[in-house]
Amino acid sequence: PCEDPGDPPAMKILLLLFPLLLVLVQGAAGGLFACRRKGGFCQIGYCRYPTIPIEKCSRSQWCCK
């Protein structure tokens, strides 16, 4: 089967990246809700005084309380 020359390469890249984006969003949302259930909030980087980190919301965010 030959490729359709009318398909732009960007569209193919988007189709490959879409499932990855869904996985990342799903993981981040779970961390956010778990943090809020514990009475915390997600902060990019480190928690600022007087809050303390209780867990991670995502790779770059801490759950602070």
N, C-alpha and C. Protein backbone atom coordinates (compact mmCIF):
# COMPACT_ATOMS: atom_id res chain seq x y z
N PRO A 1 0.83 -1.19 0.00
CA PRO A 1 0.00 0.00 0.00
C PRO A 1 0.87 1.25 0.00
N CYS A 2 0.53 2.13 -0.88
CA CYS A 2 1.27 3.40 -0.99
C CYS A 2 0.63 4.43 -0.09
N GLU A 3 1.46 5.36 0.36
CA GLU A 3 0.94 6.46 1.18
C GLU A 3 0.24 7.46 0.30
N ASP A 4 -0.77 8.08 0.84
CA ASP A 4 -1.47 9.13 0.13
C ASP A 4 -0.61 10.39 0.18
N PRO A 5 -0.18 10.90 -0.97
CA PRO A 5 0.68 12.08 -0.94
C PRO A 5 -0.03 13.33 -0.43
N GLY A 6 -1.34 13.27 -0.30
CA GLY A 6 -2.10 14.42 0.19
C GLY A 6 -2.07 14.55 1.70
N ASP A 7 -1.66 13.50 2.45
CA ASP A 7 -1.60 13.57 3.91
C ASP A 7 -0.39 14.37 4.36
N PRO A 8 -0.59 15.45 5.09
CA PRO A 8 0.56 16.21 5.57
C PRO A 8 1.27 15.44 6.69
N PRO A 9 2.60 15.52 6.74
CA PRO A 9 3.35 14.80 7.78
C PRO A 9 2.97 15.25 9.19
N ALA A 10 2.58 16.51 9.34
CA ALA A 10 2.21 17.00 10.67
C ALA A 10 1.00 16.25 11.21
N MET A 11 0.08 15.90 10.35
CA MET A 11 -1.12 15.19 10.79
C MET A 11 -0.75 13.80 11.31
N LYS A 12 0.21 13.16 10.68
CA LYS A 12 0.65 11.84 11.14
C LYS A 12 1.31 11.94 12.51
N ILE A 13 2.09 12.99 12.71
CA ILE A 13 2.74 13.19 14.00
C ILE A 13 1.70 13.42 15.09
N LEU A 14 0.68 14.22 14.77
CA LEU A 14 -0.38 14.49 15.76
C LEU A 14 -1.11 13.21 16.14
N LEU A 15 -1.34 12.35 15.17
CA LEU A 15 -2.02 11.09 15.47
C LEU A 15 -1.18 10.19 16.37
N LEU A 16 0.14 10.29 16.26
CA LEU A 16 1.02 9.50 17.12
C LEU A 16 1.14 10.12 18.52
N LEU A 17 1.09 11.45 18.60
CA LEU A 17 1.27 12.12 19.89
C LEU A 17 -0.01 12.17 20.72
N PHE A 18 -1.16 12.03 20.09
CA PHE A 18 -2.42 12.14 20.81
C PHE A 18 -2.56 11.10 21.93
N PRO A 19 -2.27 9.81 21.70
CA PRO A 19 -2.37 8.85 22.81
C PRO A 19 -1.40 9.16 23.95
N LEU A 20 -0.21 9.64 23.62
CA LEU A 20 0.76 10.01 24.65
C LEU A 20 0.22 11.16 25.50
N LEU A 21 -0.38 12.13 24.86
CA LEU A 21 -0.96 13.26 25.57
C LEU A 21 -2.06 12.79 26.53
N LEU A 22 -2.89 11.86 26.09
CA LEU A 22 -3.96 11.36 26.95
C LEU A 22 -3.41 10.66 28.19
N VAL A 23 -2.35 9.90 28.02
CA VAL A 23 -1.74 9.21 29.16
C VAL A 23 -1.18 10.21 30.15
N LEU A 24 -0.51 11.25 29.66
CA LEU A 24 0.06 12.27 30.55
C LEU A 24 -1.02 13.03 31.30
N VAL A 25 -2.08 13.39 30.61
CA VAL A 25 -3.17 14.14 31.26
C VAL A 25 -3.86 13.27 32.30
N GLN A 26 -4.05 12.00 32.00
CA GLN A 26 -4.71 11.11 32.94
C GLN A 26 -3.90 10.98 34.23
N GLY A 27 -2.59 10.85 34.12
CA GLY A 27 -1.74 10.74 35.30
C GLY A 27 -1.73 12.02 36.12
N ALA A 28 -1.69 13.16 35.45
CA ALA A 28 -1.67 14.44 36.15
C ALA A 28 -2.98 14.69 36.87
N ALA A 29 -4.09 14.32 36.25
CA ALA A 29 -5.39 14.54 36.88
C ALA A 29 -5.53 13.69 38.13
N GLY A 30 -5.03 12.46 38.11
CA GLY A 30 -5.11 11.60 39.29
C GLY A 30 -4.34 12.16 40.45
N GLY A 31 -3.15 12.71 40.19
CA GLY A 31 -2.35 13.32 41.23
C GLY A 31 -3.02 14.55 41.81
N LEU A 32 -3.64 15.34 40.95
CA LEU A 32 -4.32 16.55 41.39
C LEU A 32 -5.48 16.21 42.32
N PHE A 33 -6.30 15.25 41.95
CA PHE A 33 -7.47 14.90 42.78
C PHE A 33 -7.05 14.25 44.09
N ALA A 34 -6.01 13.42 44.05
CA ALA A 34 -5.53 12.79 45.28
C ALA A 34 -4.99 13.85 46.23
N CYS A 35 -4.31 14.84 45.68
CA CYS A 35 -3.76 15.93 46.49
C CYS A 35 -4.89 16.74 47.13
N ARG A 36 -5.89 17.06 46.35
CA ARG A 36 -7.02 17.85 46.89
C ARG A 36 -7.79 17.09 47.95
N ARG A 37 -7.90 15.76 47.78
CA ARG A 37 -8.59 14.95 48.80
C ARG A 37 -7.86 15.03 50.13
N LYS A 38 -6.54 15.20 50.08
CA LYS A 38 -5.76 15.29 51.31
C LYS A 38 -5.67 16.72 51.84
N GLY A 39 -6.39 17.64 51.20
CA GLY A 39 -6.40 19.02 51.66
C GLY A 39 -5.23 19.84 51.16
N GLY A 40 -4.58 19.40 50.09
CA GLY A 40 -3.43 20.12 49.57
C GLY A 40 -3.73 20.78 48.24
N PHE A 41 -2.68 21.35 47.65
CA PHE A 41 -2.77 21.96 46.33
C PHE A 41 -1.47 21.68 45.58
N CYS A 42 -1.54 21.63 44.26
CA CYS A 42 -0.36 21.34 43.45
C CYS A 42 0.41 22.62 43.17
N GLN A 43 1.72 22.55 43.34
CA GLN A 43 2.61 23.71 43.17
C GLN A 43 3.75 23.30 42.24
N ILE A 44 4.03 24.11 41.22
CA ILE A 44 5.16 23.85 40.33
C ILE A 44 6.44 24.13 41.10
N GLY A 45 7.38 23.22 41.03
CA GLY A 45 8.63 23.38 41.77
C GLY A 45 8.45 22.94 43.21
N TYR A 46 8.99 23.72 44.13
CA TYR A 46 8.95 23.36 45.55
C TYR A 46 7.84 24.09 46.29
N CYS A 47 7.44 23.55 47.42
CA CYS A 47 6.43 24.19 48.27
C CYS A 47 7.06 25.39 48.96
N ARG A 48 6.32 26.47 49.02
CA ARG A 48 6.83 27.68 49.67
C ARG A 48 6.44 27.67 51.14
N TYR A 49 7.29 28.26 51.96
CA TYR A 49 7.03 28.37 53.39
C TYR A 49 5.74 29.14 53.61
N PRO A 50 4.86 28.73 54.44
CA PRO A 50 4.94 27.73 55.50
C PRO A 50 4.37 26.37 55.11
N THR A 51 4.10 26.14 53.82
CA THR A 51 3.54 24.85 53.42
C THR A 51 4.64 23.79 53.37
N ILE A 52 4.22 22.53 53.43
CA ILE A 52 5.17 21.41 53.35
C ILE A 52 4.71 20.45 52.25
N PRO A 53 5.65 19.77 51.59
CA PRO A 53 5.28 18.79 50.56
C PRO A 53 4.74 17.51 51.21
N ILE A 54 3.62 17.00 50.69
CA ILE A 54 3.08 15.75 51.22
C ILE A 54 3.16 14.62 50.20
N GLU A 55 3.21 14.95 48.91
CA GLU A 55 3.38 13.96 47.84
C GLU A 55 3.60 14.70 46.54
N LYS A 56 3.76 13.95 45.44
CA LYS A 56 3.95 14.57 44.13
C LYS A 56 2.64 14.53 43.35
N CYS A 57 2.32 15.64 42.69
CA CYS A 57 1.17 15.68 41.79
C CYS A 57 1.56 15.15 40.41
N SER A 58 2.75 15.52 39.97
CA SER A 58 3.29 15.08 38.69
C SER A 58 4.80 15.15 38.79
N ARG A 59 5.46 14.96 37.67
CA ARG A 59 6.92 14.94 37.67
C ARG A 59 7.51 16.26 38.16
N SER A 60 6.87 17.38 37.83
CA SER A 60 7.43 18.69 38.18
C SER A 60 6.61 19.45 39.22
N GLN A 61 5.57 18.82 39.77
CA GLN A 61 4.70 19.50 40.73
C GLN A 61 4.63 18.73 42.04
N TRP A 62 4.65 19.49 43.13
CA TRP A 62 4.50 18.91 44.47
C TRP A 62 3.12 19.22 45.00
N CYS A 63 2.60 18.32 45.81
CA CYS A 63 1.36 18.57 46.54
C CYS A 63 1.76 19.19 47.87
N CYS A 64 1.35 20.43 48.09
CA CYS A 64 1.73 21.17 49.29
C CYS A 64 0.52 21.31 50.21
N LYS A 65 0.81 21.31 51.52
CA LYS A 65 -0.27 21.47 52.50
C LYS A 65 0.19 22.38 53.60
